[in-house]
Amino acid sequence: METVYDVMQLLKRFGTFVYTKNRIGDLQLMEMDLVELYKGGLIEAREFQSARHILRTETVKLEKEITSK
């Protein structure tokens, strides 16, 4: 797993689709869904950690872009 798209495909396997007009909000919702899948034992720790890292990295990147404008 390397991209946000990969994380979206993971969530899609469990019937989760997240699309709003707020990209940072989307990333936060995806992270919340990941936590629930992990707590429920539906995804492995390694998969959870990788996906969460991707989402957090993208969130930080977008927040920096917003504040630099």
C-alpha atoms as a PDB file:
ATOM      1  CA  MET A   1       0.000   0.000   0.000  1.00  0.00           C
ATOM      2  CA  GLU A   2       1.555   3.255  -1.142  1.00  0.00           C
ATOM      3  CA  THR A   3      -1.090   5.849  -2.003  1.00  0.00           C
ATOM      4  CA  VAL A   4      -4.343   7.328  -0.750  1.00  0.00           C
ATOM      5  CA  TYR A   5      -6.007   5.537  -3.659  1.00  0.00           C
ATOM      6  CA  ASP A   6      -4.750   2.225  -2.241  1.00  0.00           C
ATOM      7  CA  VAL A   7      -6.291   3.110   1.129  1.00  0.00           C
ATOM      8  CA  MET A   8      -9.556   3.964  -0.615  1.00  0.00           C
ATOM      9  CA  GLN A   9      -9.519   0.565  -2.315  1.00  0.00           C
ATOM     10  CA  LEU A  10      -8.954  -1.128   1.050  1.00  0.00           C
ATOM     11  CA  LEU A  11     -11.948   0.678   2.539  1.00  0.00           C
ATOM     12  CA  LYS A  12     -13.996  -0.107  -0.563  1.00  0.00           C
ATOM     13  CA  ARG A  13     -13.545  -3.836   0.140  1.00  0.00           C
ATOM     14  CA  PHE A  14     -15.579  -3.244   3.299  1.00  0.00           C
ATOM     15  CA  GLY A  15     -18.233  -1.111   1.613  1.00  0.00           C
ATOM     16  CA  THR A  16     -16.853   2.242   2.733  1.00  0.00           C
ATOM     17  CA  PHE A  17     -16.885   5.118   0.262  1.00  0.00           C
ATOM     18  CA  VAL A  18     -15.809   8.581   1.422  1.00  0.00           C
ATOM     19  CA  TYR A  19     -16.364  11.522  -0.921  1.00  0.00           C
ATOM     20  CA  THR A  20     -17.045  15.045   0.279  1.00  0.00           C
ATOM     21  CA  LYS A  21     -15.898  18.384  -1.031  1.00  0.00           C
ATOM     22  CA  ASN A  22     -13.353  18.665   1.782  1.00  0.00           C
ATOM     23  CA  ARG A  23     -10.229  16.598   1.038  1.00  0.00           C
ATOM     24  CA  ILE A  24      -8.826  16.888   4.570  1.00  0.00           C
ATOM     25  CA  GLY A  25     -12.209  15.891   5.961  1.00  0.00           C
ATOM     26  CA  ASP A  26     -12.220  12.874   3.643  1.00  0.00           C
ATOM     27  CA  LEU A  27      -8.824  11.795   4.941  1.00  0.00           C
ATOM     28  CA  GLN A  28      -9.976  12.148   8.544  1.00  0.00           C
ATOM     29  CA  LEU A  29     -13.126  10.115   7.870  1.00  0.00           C
ATOM     30  CA  MET A  30     -11.055   7.417   6.177  1.00  0.00           C
ATOM     31  CA  GLU A  31      -8.762   7.269   9.201  1.00  0.00           C
ATOM     32  CA  MET A  32     -11.736   6.899  11.534  1.00  0.00           C
ATOM     33  CA  ASP A  33     -13.059   4.042   9.401  1.00  0.00           C
ATOM     34  CA  LEU A  34      -9.634   2.377   9.447  1.00  0.00           C
ATOM     35  CA  VAL A  35      -9.556   2.520  13.241  1.00  0.00           C
ATOM     36  CA  GLU A  36     -12.950   0.825  13.416  1.00  0.00           C
ATOM     37  CA  LEU A  37     -11.875  -1.906  10.986  1.00  0.00           C
ATOM     38  CA  TYR A  38      -8.729  -2.524  13.004  1.00  0.00           C
ATOM     39  CA  LYS A  39     -10.560  -2.582  16.339  1.00  0.00           C
ATOM     40  CA  GLY A  40     -13.034  -5.022  14.826  1.00  0.00           C
ATOM     41  CA  GLY A  41     -10.201  -7.311  13.772  1.00  0.00           C
ATOM     42  CA  LEU A  42     -11.003  -6.994  10.091  1.00  0.00           C
ATOM     43  CA  ILE A  43      -7.573  -5.724   9.049  1.00  0.00           C
ATOM     44  CA  GLU A  44      -4.114  -6.647  10.294  1.00  0.00           C
ATOM     45  CA  ALA A  45      -1.907  -4.324  12.327  1.00  0.00           C
ATOM     46  CA  ARG A  46       0.617  -3.878   9.527  1.00  0.00           C
ATOM     47  CA  GLU A  47      -2.079  -2.951   7.015  1.00  0.00           C
ATOM     48  CA  PHE A  48      -3.640  -0.548   9.518  1.00  0.00           C
ATOM     49  CA  GLN A  49      -0.330   1.153  10.310  1.00  0.00           C
ATOM     50  CA  SER A  50       0.589   1.530   6.659  1.00  0.00           C
ATOM     51  CA  ALA A  51      -2.785   2.979   5.691  1.00  0.00           C
ATOM     52  CA  ARG A  52      -2.866   5.331   8.663  1.00  0.00           C
ATOM     53  CA  HIS A  53       0.629   6.603   7.867  1.00  0.00           C
ATOM     54  CA  ILE A  54      -0.383   7.325   4.261  1.00  0.00           C
ATOM     55  CA  LEU A  55      -3.473   9.253   5.365  1.00  0.00           C
ATOM     56  CA  ARG A  56      -1.640  11.275   8.002  1.00  0.00           C
ATOM     57  CA  THR A  57       1.192  12.129   5.608  1.00  0.00           C
ATOM     58  CA  GLU A  58      -1.299  13.361   3.008  1.00  0.00           C
ATOM     59  CA  THR A  59      -3.201  15.374   5.636  1.00  0.00           C
ATOM     60  CA  VAL A  60      -0.018  17.130   6.774  1.00  0.00           C
ATOM     61  CA  LYS A  61       0.919  17.839   3.148  1.00  0.00           C
ATOM     62  CA  LEU A  62      -2.472  19.415   2.421  1.00  0.00           C
ATOM     63  CA  GLU A  63      -2.446  21.457   5.636  1.00  0.00           C
ATOM     64  CA  LYS A  64       0.987  22.852   4.737  1.00  0.00           C
ATOM     65  CA  GLU A  65      -0.271  23.807   1.269  1.00  0.00           C
ATOM     66  CA  ILE A  66      -3.233  25.622   2.787  1.00  0.00           C
ATOM     67  CA  THR A  67      -1.170  27.551   5.336  1.00  0.00           C
ATOM     68  CA  SER A  68       1.503  28.528   2.802  1.00  0.00           C
ATOM     69  CA  LYS A  69      -1.029  30.327   0.575  1.00  0.00           C
END
